[in-house]
Amino acid sequence: MPEGREVSPTQWTDFLREEVTPRFPGGLTHWPAQGQWRSDSGALGQENSFVLEVIVPAENNAAAIESFRAVIDAYKEQFEQESVLWLRDPKVDVTFR
């Protein structure tokens, strides 16, 4: 976040509970990570971050995309982020058992 502030583990847990879990009640996985990126000015930035993994069956794709966008928008607003990395792989074949 600006001025070197970081999202605390408690803030992250609250965000999961309030924004993510209601949109993806079927389950998710998350873990802490160390992020690195190059800013628009060319400076290299590093910060603690979080990775969120949600696997959604292909038949739920349109609704899931809308939910992911809502989660990203909420995260950017709540934690004053310029961007959020979102990786989608529609070729992954997942079977829920």
N, C-alpha and C. Protein backbone atom coordinates (compact mmCIF):
# COMPACT_ATOMS: atom_id res chain seq x y z
N MET A 1 0.85 -1.18 0.00
CA MET A 1 0.00 0.00 0.00
C MET A 1 0.90 1.24 0.00
N PRO A 2 0.35 2.39 -0.28
CA PRO A 2 1.15 3.61 -0.27
C PRO A 2 1.88 3.82 1.06
N GLU A 3 2.94 4.60 1.00
CA GLU A 3 3.77 4.92 2.15
C GLU A 3 4.37 3.69 2.82
N GLY A 4 4.52 2.59 2.07
CA GLY A 4 5.14 1.40 2.61
C GLY A 4 4.28 0.58 3.55
N ARG A 5 3.01 0.94 3.69
CA ARG A 5 2.12 0.15 4.54
C ARG A 5 1.86 -1.19 3.87
N GLU A 6 1.60 -2.23 4.68
CA GLU A 6 1.33 -3.56 4.15
C GLU A 6 -0.02 -4.06 4.62
N VAL A 7 -0.61 -4.93 3.84
CA VAL A 7 -1.83 -5.59 4.23
C VAL A 7 -1.45 -6.61 5.31
N SER A 8 -2.04 -6.48 6.46
CA SER A 8 -1.71 -7.38 7.57
C SER A 8 -2.41 -8.73 7.38
N PRO A 9 -1.93 -9.76 8.04
CA PRO A 9 -2.63 -11.05 7.98
C PRO A 9 -4.09 -10.94 8.44
N THR A 10 -4.35 -10.11 9.42
CA THR A 10 -5.74 -9.93 9.89
C THR A 10 -6.58 -9.24 8.82
N GLN A 11 -6.04 -8.22 8.17
CA GLN A 11 -6.77 -7.55 7.09
C GLN A 11 -7.05 -8.53 5.95
N TRP A 12 -6.08 -9.37 5.62
CA TRP A 12 -6.24 -10.37 4.57
C TRP A 12 -7.34 -11.37 4.94
N THR A 13 -7.31 -11.85 6.17
CA THR A 13 -8.34 -12.80 6.63
C THR A 13 -9.72 -12.16 6.57
N ASP A 14 -9.82 -10.91 6.99
CA ASP A 14 -11.10 -10.19 6.92
C ASP A 14 -11.55 -10.04 5.47
N PHE A 15 -10.61 -9.73 4.58
CA PHE A 15 -10.95 -9.59 3.16
C PHE A 15 -11.47 -10.90 2.59
N LEU A 16 -10.80 -11.99 2.93
CA LEU A 16 -11.27 -13.31 2.47
C LEU A 16 -12.69 -13.56 2.95
N ARG A 17 -12.94 -13.30 4.22
CA ARG A 17 -14.25 -13.56 4.80
C ARG A 17 -15.34 -12.67 4.18
N GLU A 18 -15.03 -11.40 3.97
CA GLU A 18 -16.04 -10.45 3.53
C GLU A 18 -16.23 -10.37 2.02
N GLU A 19 -15.16 -10.54 1.25
CA GLU A 19 -15.22 -10.33 -0.20
C GLU A 19 -15.10 -11.60 -1.02
N VAL A 20 -14.22 -12.50 -0.62
CA VAL A 20 -13.92 -13.66 -1.46
C VAL A 20 -14.85 -14.84 -1.17
N THR A 21 -14.93 -15.25 0.08
CA THR A 21 -15.73 -16.44 0.43
C THR A 21 -17.19 -16.33 0.00
N PRO A 22 -17.85 -15.18 0.15
CA PRO A 22 -19.23 -15.11 -0.34
C PRO A 22 -19.36 -15.33 -1.85
N ARG A 23 -18.32 -14.96 -2.59
CA ARG A 23 -18.37 -15.11 -4.05
C ARG A 23 -17.91 -16.50 -4.50
N PHE A 24 -17.10 -17.15 -3.67
CA PHE A 24 -16.58 -18.48 -4.00
C PHE A 24 -16.76 -19.41 -2.80
N PRO A 25 -18.01 -19.72 -2.46
CA PRO A 25 -18.26 -20.52 -1.26
C PRO A 25 -17.82 -21.97 -1.39
N GLY A 26 -17.53 -22.42 -2.60
CA GLY A 26 -17.12 -23.80 -2.82
C GLY A 26 -15.72 -24.10 -2.34
N GLY A 27 -14.93 -23.07 -2.08
CA GLY A 27 -13.58 -23.28 -1.56
C GLY A 27 -12.53 -22.51 -2.32
N LEU A 28 -11.39 -22.39 -1.68
CA LEU A 28 -10.26 -21.66 -2.24
C LEU A 28 -9.01 -22.05 -1.47
N THR A 29 -7.87 -21.65 -2.00
CA THR A 29 -6.59 -21.84 -1.33
C THR A 29 -5.87 -20.50 -1.35
N HIS A 30 -5.18 -20.18 -0.28
CA HIS A 30 -4.40 -18.93 -0.26
C HIS A 30 -3.14 -19.14 0.56
N TRP A 31 -2.13 -18.33 0.25
CA TRP A 31 -0.87 -18.41 0.98
C TRP A 31 -0.12 -17.09 0.85
N PRO A 32 0.76 -16.80 1.84
CA PRO A 32 1.57 -15.58 1.76
C PRO A 32 2.69 -15.76 0.73
N ALA A 33 3.10 -14.65 0.14
CA ALA A 33 4.15 -14.69 -0.88
C ALA A 33 4.97 -13.40 -0.80
N GLN A 34 6.06 -13.38 -1.56
CA GLN A 34 6.87 -12.17 -1.70
C GLN A 34 6.74 -11.71 -3.14
N GLY A 35 6.22 -10.51 -3.35
CA GLY A 35 5.98 -10.00 -4.70
C GLY A 35 7.07 -9.04 -5.15
N GLN A 36 7.24 -8.97 -6.46
CA GLN A 36 8.21 -8.05 -7.05
C GLN A 36 7.65 -7.57 -8.38
N TRP A 37 7.83 -6.30 -8.70
CA TRP A 37 7.32 -5.74 -9.94
C TRP A 37 8.14 -4.50 -10.30
N ARG A 38 8.01 -4.08 -11.54
CA ARG A 38 8.66 -2.85 -11.99
C ARG A 38 7.55 -1.81 -12.18
N SER A 39 7.69 -0.68 -11.51
CA SER A 39 6.68 0.37 -11.57
C SER A 39 6.75 1.11 -12.91
N ASP A 40 5.77 1.97 -13.14
CA ASP A 40 5.75 2.77 -14.36
C ASP A 40 6.99 3.64 -14.49
N SER A 41 7.57 4.04 -13.34
CA SER A 41 8.77 4.87 -13.36
C SER A 41 10.04 4.07 -13.62
N GLY A 42 9.91 2.73 -13.63
CA GLY A 42 11.06 1.87 -13.86
C GLY A 42 11.72 1.35 -12.60
N ALA A 43 11.25 1.82 -11.45
CA ALA A 43 11.83 1.36 -10.18
C ALA A 43 11.35 -0.05 -9.85
N LEU A 44 12.24 -0.83 -9.27
CA LEU A 44 11.89 -2.18 -8.85
C LEU A 44 11.29 -2.13 -7.46
N GLY A 45 10.10 -2.69 -7.32
CA GLY A 45 9.43 -2.71 -6.03
C GLY A 45 9.29 -4.13 -5.52
N GLN A 46 9.32 -4.28 -4.22
CA GLN A 46 9.13 -5.58 -3.58
C GLN A 46 8.24 -5.38 -2.38
N GLU A 47 7.38 -6.36 -2.12
CA GLU A 47 6.53 -6.29 -0.95
C GLU A 47 5.96 -7.67 -0.64
N ASN A 48 5.56 -7.82 0.60
CA ASN A 48 4.84 -9.03 0.96
C ASN A 48 3.50 -9.01 0.26
N SER A 49 3.01 -10.17 -0.12
CA SER A 49 1.73 -10.24 -0.81
C SER A 49 1.03 -11.54 -0.45
N PHE A 50 -0.09 -11.77 -1.08
CA PHE A 50 -0.86 -12.97 -0.87
C PHE A 50 -1.25 -13.55 -2.21
N VAL A 51 -1.29 -14.86 -2.30
CA VAL A 51 -1.74 -15.55 -3.51
C VAL A 51 -3.07 -16.21 -3.17
N LEU A 52 -4.02 -16.03 -4.07
CA LEU A 52 -5.34 -16.63 -3.92
C LEU A 52 -5.57 -17.54 -5.12
N GLU A 53 -5.92 -18.78 -4.86
CA GLU A 53 -6.20 -19.74 -5.94
C GLU A 53 -7.63 -20.22 -5.80
N VAL A 54 -8.38 -20.04 -6.88
CA VAL A 54 -9.76 -20.52 -6.93
C VAL A 54 -9.93 -21.28 -8.23
N ILE A 55 -10.39 -22.50 -8.14
CA ILE A 55 -10.62 -23.31 -9.33
C ILE A 55 -12.13 -23.40 -9.54
N VAL A 56 -12.54 -23.05 -10.75
CA VAL A 56 -13.96 -22.98 -11.05
C VAL A 56 -14.24 -23.86 -12.27
N PRO A 57 -15.26 -24.71 -12.19
CA PRO A 57 -15.62 -25.52 -13.37
C PRO A 57 -15.97 -24.63 -14.57
N ALA A 58 -15.65 -25.09 -15.77
CA ALA A 58 -15.85 -24.30 -16.98
C ALA A 58 -17.29 -23.84 -17.16
N GLU A 59 -18.23 -24.64 -16.72
CA GLU A 59 -19.64 -24.25 -16.92
C GLU A 59 -20.02 -23.04 -16.07
N ASN A 60 -19.21 -22.67 -15.10
CA ASN A 60 -19.47 -21.49 -14.27
C ASN A 60 -18.61 -20.30 -14.68
N ASN A 61 -18.01 -20.36 -15.84
CA ASN A 61 -16.99 -19.40 -16.24
C ASN A 61 -17.49 -17.95 -16.24
N ALA A 62 -18.63 -17.66 -16.85
CA ALA A 62 -19.10 -16.27 -16.94
C ALA A 62 -19.36 -15.68 -15.56
N ALA A 63 -20.03 -16.42 -14.71
CA ALA A 63 -20.30 -15.93 -13.35
C ALA A 63 -19.01 -15.79 -12.56
N ALA A 64 -18.09 -16.73 -12.75
CA ALA A 64 -16.82 -16.68 -12.03
C ALA A 64 -16.01 -15.45 -12.44
N ILE A 65 -15.98 -15.14 -13.72
CA ILE A 65 -15.23 -13.97 -14.20
C ILE A 65 -15.78 -12.71 -13.55
N GLU A 66 -17.09 -12.59 -13.49
CA GLU A 66 -17.71 -11.44 -12.84
C GLU A 66 -17.31 -11.37 -11.37
N SER A 67 -17.31 -12.51 -10.70
CA SER A 67 -16.93 -12.55 -9.28
C SER A 67 -15.46 -12.20 -9.09
N PHE A 68 -14.58 -12.72 -9.95
CA PHE A 68 -13.16 -12.39 -9.85
C PHE A 68 -12.94 -10.90 -10.03
N ARG A 69 -13.62 -10.32 -11.00
CA ARG A 69 -13.47 -8.87 -11.23
C ARG A 69 -13.93 -8.07 -10.02
N ALA A 70 -15.01 -8.51 -9.39
CA ALA A 70 -15.50 -7.82 -8.19
C ALA A 70 -14.48 -7.93 -7.05
N VAL A 71 -13.88 -9.10 -6.88
CA VAL A 71 -12.87 -9.30 -5.83
C VAL A 71 -11.66 -8.41 -6.12
N ILE A 72 -11.21 -8.38 -7.36
CA ILE A 72 -10.06 -7.55 -7.73
C ILE A 72 -10.36 -6.08 -7.47
N ASP A 73 -11.52 -5.61 -7.90
CA ASP A 73 -11.89 -4.21 -7.69
C ASP A 73 -11.95 -3.87 -6.20
N ALA A 74 -12.51 -4.78 -5.40
CA ALA A 74 -12.59 -4.55 -3.96
C ALA A 74 -11.20 -4.49 -3.34
N TYR A 75 -10.31 -5.39 -3.76
CA TYR A 75 -8.94 -5.41 -3.22
C TYR A 75 -8.21 -4.12 -3.58
N LYS A 76 -8.30 -3.72 -4.84
CA LYS A 76 -7.62 -2.50 -5.28
C LYS A 76 -8.12 -1.28 -4.50
N GLU A 77 -9.42 -1.20 -4.29
CA GLU A 77 -9.97 -0.06 -3.57
C GLU A 77 -9.61 -0.11 -2.09
N GLN A 78 -9.84 -1.24 -1.46
CA GLN A 78 -9.62 -1.34 -0.02
C GLN A 78 -8.16 -1.16 0.37
N PHE A 79 -7.24 -1.69 -0.46
CA PHE A 79 -5.83 -1.66 -0.11
C PHE A 79 -5.01 -0.72 -0.99
N GLU A 80 -5.68 0.16 -1.73
CA GLU A 80 -5.05 1.22 -2.51
C GLU A 80 -3.98 0.67 -3.46
N GLN A 81 -4.35 -0.34 -4.22
CA GLN A 81 -3.43 -0.99 -5.16
C GLN A 81 -3.61 -0.44 -6.57
N GLU A 82 -2.51 -0.32 -7.30
CA GLU A 82 -2.58 0.09 -8.70
C GLU A 82 -3.05 -1.06 -9.58
N SER A 83 -2.64 -2.27 -9.24
CA SER A 83 -2.98 -3.41 -10.07
C SER A 83 -3.00 -4.69 -9.24
N VAL A 84 -3.62 -5.70 -9.78
CA VAL A 84 -3.68 -7.03 -9.18
C VAL A 84 -3.43 -8.02 -10.31
N LEU A 85 -2.53 -8.95 -10.10
CA LEU A 85 -2.26 -9.98 -11.10
C LEU A 85 -3.38 -11.01 -11.07
N TRP A 86 -3.93 -11.31 -12.24
CA TRP A 86 -5.00 -12.30 -12.37
C TRP A 86 -4.58 -13.25 -13.48
N LEU A 87 -4.39 -14.49 -13.15
CA LEU A 87 -3.98 -15.51 -14.10
C LEU A 87 -5.14 -16.45 -14.33
N ARG A 88 -5.54 -16.61 -15.58
CA ARG A 88 -6.61 -17.53 -15.95
C ARG A 88 -6.04 -18.56 -16.91
N ASP A 89 -6.37 -19.81 -16.70
CA ASP A 89 -5.94 -20.86 -17.61
C ASP A 89 -7.15 -21.72 -17.98
N PRO A 90 -7.81 -21.39 -19.08
CA PRO A 90 -9.01 -22.13 -19.47
C PRO A 90 -8.69 -23.54 -20.00
N LYS A 91 -7.41 -23.87 -20.18
CA LYS A 91 -7.06 -25.20 -20.69
C LYS A 91 -6.91 -26.23 -19.59
N VAL A 92 -6.93 -25.80 -18.34
CA VAL A 92 -6.78 -26.75 -17.25
C VAL A 92 -8.06 -27.58 -17.12
N ASP A 93 -7.90 -28.88 -17.13
CA ASP A 93 -9.03 -29.78 -17.02
C ASP A 93 -9.12 -30.25 -15.56
N VAL A 94 -10.15 -29.78 -14.87
CA VAL A 94 -10.31 -30.08 -13.46
C VAL A 94 -11.55 -30.93 -13.25
N THR A 95 -11.40 -31.96 -12.46
CA THR A 95 -12.53 -32.82 -12.10
C THR A 95 -12.70 -32.74 -10.59
N PHE A 96 -13.92 -32.42 -10.16
CA PHE A 96 -14.24 -32.39 -8.74
C PHE A 96 -14.84 -33.74 -8.38
N ARG A 97 -14.31 -34.36 -7.32
CA ARG A 97 -14.81 -35.67 -6.90
C ARG A 97 -15.26 -35.63 -5.47
